[in-house]
Structure formats: C-alpha cells, structure tokens
C-alpha cells in the first residue's frame, strides 16, 4: 500500500482547514477591488487554485490569510495587466489609424533600372537594411543578426532608408503623374 494517497488526503484536509475559512474575506476584497462579481469569483477561484498547487511551500503556523491575500492581489494584478494590454493595443491601433497619413503607392511601371539607380544612391547602411528587408524578406531579428546591429537600429534605418528612397523616386513619381505629396495630378483636357 502506498503512502502517497494518505499524504495527499492529509494535505487536502490541512488546506481546507487553513485556507477555506478566508474564502468570504478574499471574495469581498476581490469584489471591491475589481468591481465585478464575475471577475471577483474568477480571481478568488484562481487564488485558491494557485494556493492549493503551492500549499507544500506554505509553512504551518504562519499567517495563511496574508499568504492568500498576497496570491489574490498577484492574480488581480495579472488580470489587470492582461486586460490593459488588450486595451492598449486597441487604443494604439485607433491612434495609428487617426494619425498616420496615407501614402499613395508608387506606380508599378517604374523600370527596375530606375529603382536600382535610386537604391544605389542611398547610403550603404540604409541600402543594406532595405535590401535585406524588402527584397530578401528577412525578419528584423534576422537582419540584426546578419548586420550585427541592434534590432532598434534595423527598424530606424529601414524607416529612414525608405523615406530617402521615396525622396529619390519622387522625380520619377512626378513624371508618372503624381505630385510630391502623393496625390494624383489632374491634367486639364
């Protein structure tokens, strides 16, 4: 006969005896902190799950109530951080949509020679990043490893290099009927 079930039964009984008397207090604190009954119930349930899983680390005779509240507020903090991340992403998307200016694409019938000539006029550090990102389709992390530069530098050089390339190709764009601002020019008939 194994002693494992006997130990687990004793641990479960100890956990119930020590932790369950604080259930109402934990729920009340979670309800006031979160403001929602459903969120409070979820937080208390997660608290008891984590406490039960780590009950072997609890030292008998210490303040179980404080230990449970610490777990509860850790769970609440984690829930808020997770929710804030989703809210922040939504707000950032709205901000980007409101503030980014539309840039019309350059016509597709530019010759390769024109683009290559414009690309060759760029400084080498910008040209290398543009070639690796836009032509070879490497990820930023891979480009950083290839060029042995930080990933932030890759993103910065790519952004600045693309702006320089747009400037280089601006004359060609105007010759194809685009104004400097990216708006199509209307020819009088």
Protein backbone atom coordinates (compact mmCIF):
# COMPACT_ATOMS: atom_id res chain seq x y z
CA UNK A 1 0.00 0.00 0.00
CA UNK A 2 1.29 3.41 -0.99
CA UNK A 3 1.54 6.29 1.49
CA UNK A 4 1.04 8.83 -1.34
CA UNK A 5 -2.82 8.90 -1.16
CA UNK A 6 -2.64 9.21 2.63
CA UNK A 7 -0.26 12.19 2.37
CA UNK A 8 -2.46 13.83 -0.29
CA UNK A 9 -5.57 13.32 1.86
CA UNK A 10 -3.83 14.91 4.86
CA UNK A 11 -2.60 17.81 2.72
CA UNK A 12 -6.08 18.37 1.30
CA UNK A 13 -7.62 18.31 4.77
CA UNK A 14 -4.95 20.72 6.05
CA UNK A 15 -5.50 23.04 3.11
CA UNK A 16 -9.25 23.07 3.61
CA UNK A 17 -8.89 23.66 7.35
CA UNK A 18 -6.39 26.51 6.95
CA UNK A 19 -7.43 28.22 3.71
CA UNK A 20 -11.19 27.87 3.31
CA UNK A 21 -12.15 29.99 6.35
CA UNK A 22 -10.80 33.04 4.45
CA UNK A 23 -12.95 32.50 1.35
CA UNK A 24 -15.53 35.20 2.15
CA UNK A 25 -12.87 37.78 3.04
CA UNK A 26 -10.99 37.11 -0.19
CA UNK A 27 -14.18 37.36 -2.23
CA UNK A 28 -15.17 40.62 -0.54
CA UNK A 29 -11.75 42.16 -1.19
CA UNK A 30 -11.75 40.97 -4.81
CA UNK A 31 -15.29 42.28 -5.34
CA UNK A 32 -14.38 45.73 -4.03
CA UNK A 33 -11.10 45.82 -5.93
CA UNK A 34 -12.41 44.59 -9.27
CA UNK A 35 -15.96 45.93 -9.13
CA UNK A 36 -17.42 42.92 -10.90
CA UNK A 37 -18.92 39.83 -9.35
CA UNK A 38 -17.79 37.56 -12.19
CA UNK A 39 -14.23 38.90 -12.16
CA UNK A 40 -14.09 38.59 -8.37
CA UNK A 41 -15.26 34.99 -8.50
CA UNK A 42 -12.67 34.20 -11.17
CA UNK A 43 -9.90 35.88 -9.16
CA UNK A 44 -10.79 34.01 -5.95
CA UNK A 45 -11.04 30.73 -7.81
CA UNK A 46 -7.61 31.31 -9.41
CA UNK A 47 -6.24 32.31 -5.98
CA UNK A 48 -7.38 29.08 -4.38
CA UNK A 49 -6.10 27.05 -7.32
CA UNK A 50 -2.65 28.62 -7.06
CA UNK A 51 -2.66 28.30 -3.26
CA UNK A 52 -3.63 24.64 -3.46
CA UNK A 53 -0.91 23.95 -6.04
CA UNK A 54 1.75 25.62 -3.91
CA UNK A 55 0.46 24.59 -0.49
CA UNK A 56 3.54 22.43 0.01
CA UNK A 57 5.53 25.70 0.27
CA UNK A 58 3.24 27.12 2.95
CA UNK A 59 4.75 26.96 6.43
CA UNK A 60 2.28 25.71 9.01
CA UNK A 61 1.68 28.17 11.81
CA UNK A 62 2.32 31.26 9.67
CA UNK A 63 -0.32 33.73 8.56
CA UNK A 64 -2.33 31.87 5.92
CA UNK A 65 -4.68 34.84 5.47
CA UNK A 66 -1.79 37.13 4.48
CA UNK A 67 -0.42 34.45 2.17
CA UNK A 68 -3.80 34.07 0.43
CA UNK A 69 -4.24 37.84 0.09
CA UNK A 70 -0.80 38.12 -1.45
CA UNK A 71 -1.76 35.48 -4.01
CA UNK A 72 -5.11 37.23 -4.60
CA UNK A 73 -3.52 40.58 -5.35
CA UNK A 74 -0.97 38.92 -7.58
CA UNK A 75 -3.83 37.33 -9.53
CA UNK A 76 -5.71 40.66 -9.72
CA UNK A 77 -2.57 42.44 -10.89
CA UNK A 78 -2.03 39.78 -13.56
CA UNK A 79 -5.67 40.08 -14.76
CA UNK A 80 -5.43 43.86 -14.96
CA UNK A 81 -2.13 43.74 -16.80
CA UNK A 82 -3.59 41.27 -19.29
CA UNK A 83 -6.72 43.40 -19.79
CA UNK A 84 -4.69 46.61 -20.06
CA UNK A 85 -2.51 45.05 -22.73
CA UNK A 86 -5.59 44.35 -24.85
CA UNK A 87 -6.99 47.82 -24.23
CA UNK A 88 -3.66 49.45 -25.02
CA UNK A 89 -3.38 47.56 -28.29
CA UNK A 90 -6.85 48.71 -29.30
CA UNK A 91 -6.09 52.32 -28.37
CA UNK A 92 -2.78 52.20 -30.24
CA UNK A 93 -4.49 50.90 -33.36
CA UNK A 94 -7.05 53.71 -33.21
CA UNK A 95 -4.29 56.26 -32.61
CA UNK A 96 -2.32 54.95 -35.57
CA UNK A 97 -5.35 54.99 -37.84
CA UNK A 98 -6.13 58.58 -36.85
CA UNK A 99 -2.60 59.96 -37.12
CA UNK A 100 -0.87 58.10 -39.93
CA UNK A 101 -1.04 59.83 -43.27
CA UNK A 102 -1.89 57.77 -46.30
CA UNK A 103 0.93 57.48 -48.76
CA UNK A 104 -0.10 56.51 -52.24
CA UNK A 105 1.92 53.66 -53.70
CA UNK A 106 4.36 54.37 -56.49
CA UNK A 107 3.14 53.22 -59.87
CA UNK A 108 4.08 49.70 -60.79
CA UNK A 109 5.54 50.55 -64.19
CA UNK A 110 8.75 52.10 -62.92
CA UNK A 111 11.63 50.29 -64.51
CA UNK A 112 13.99 48.18 -62.48
CA UNK A 113 16.88 50.36 -63.57
CA UNK A 114 15.25 53.48 -62.11
CA UNK A 115 14.62 51.79 -58.78
CA UNK A 116 18.08 50.22 -58.65
CA UNK A 117 19.71 53.55 -59.51
CA UNK A 118 17.73 55.25 -56.71
CA UNK A 119 18.62 52.46 -54.31
CA UNK A 120 22.32 52.73 -55.20
CA UNK A 121 22.26 56.45 -54.37
CA UNK A 122 21.28 55.66 -50.77
CA UNK A 123 23.99 55.45 -48.08
CA UNK A 124 25.28 51.89 -47.70
CA UNK A 125 23.88 51.32 -44.16
CA UNK A 126 20.32 52.17 -45.31
CA UNK A 127 20.67 50.28 -48.60
CA UNK A 128 21.74 47.06 -46.86
CA UNK A 129 18.77 47.08 -44.48
CA UNK A 130 16.29 47.87 -47.29
CA UNK A 131 17.67 45.09 -49.46
CA UNK A 132 17.53 42.53 -46.66
CA UNK A 133 14.04 43.55 -45.51
CA UNK A 134 12.20 44.45 -48.70
CA UNK A 135 13.96 42.40 -51.34
CA UNK A 136 15.18 39.34 -49.44
CA UNK A 137 12.26 39.49 -46.94
CA UNK A 138 14.30 38.78 -43.82
CA UNK A 139 12.71 39.45 -40.42
CA UNK A 140 14.06 42.36 -38.35
CA UNK A 141 15.69 39.95 -35.91
CA UNK A 142 17.46 38.12 -38.72
CA UNK A 143 18.67 41.40 -40.24
CA UNK A 144 20.03 42.46 -36.86
CA UNK A 145 21.97 39.21 -36.62
CA UNK A 146 23.24 39.41 -40.20
CA UNK A 147 24.46 43.00 -39.86
CA UNK A 148 25.44 42.63 -36.19
CA UNK A 149 23.42 45.69 -35.11
CA UNK A 150 20.59 46.13 -32.57
CA UNK A 151 17.05 45.47 -33.78
CA UNK A 152 16.09 49.08 -33.00
CA UNK A 153 18.80 50.25 -35.38
CA UNK A 154 17.38 47.95 -38.06
CA UNK A 155 13.93 49.48 -37.66
CA UNK A 156 15.30 53.02 -37.63
CA UNK A 157 17.48 52.51 -40.71
CA UNK A 158 14.64 50.81 -42.55
CA UNK A 159 12.26 53.69 -41.82
CA UNK A 160 14.79 56.38 -42.71
CA UNK A 161 16.04 54.45 -45.74
CA UNK A 162 12.51 54.07 -47.12
CA UNK A 163 11.96 57.81 -46.70
CA UNK A 164 15.19 58.52 -48.55
CA UNK A 165 14.21 56.09 -51.30
CA UNK A 166 10.81 57.79 -51.65
CA UNK A 167 12.66 61.08 -51.99
CA UNK A 168 14.95 59.62 -54.65
CA UNK A 169 11.98 58.25 -56.57
CA UNK A 170 9.94 61.46 -56.17
CA UNK A 171 11.05 62.86 -59.52
CA UNK A 172 10.04 59.66 -61.26
CA UNK A 173 6.69 59.69 -59.48
CA UNK A 174 6.00 63.23 -60.67
CA UNK A 175 6.85 62.25 -64.23
CA UNK A 176 4.23 59.50 -63.95
CA UNK A 177 1.52 61.91 -62.82
CA UNK A 178 1.97 62.03 -59.06
CA UNK A 179 2.53 65.26 -57.16
CA UNK A 180 5.16 65.46 -54.44
CA UNK A 181 2.53 64.84 -51.72
CA UNK A 182 1.43 61.56 -53.28
CA UNK A 183 -1.80 62.99 -54.77
CA UNK A 184 -2.50 62.26 -58.41
CA UNK A 185 -2.22 65.28 -60.66
CA UNK A 186 -5.28 66.13 -62.76
CA UNK A 187 -4.49 67.12 -66.33
CA UNK A 188 -6.73 69.68 -67.98
CA UNK A 189 -8.40 68.42 -71.12
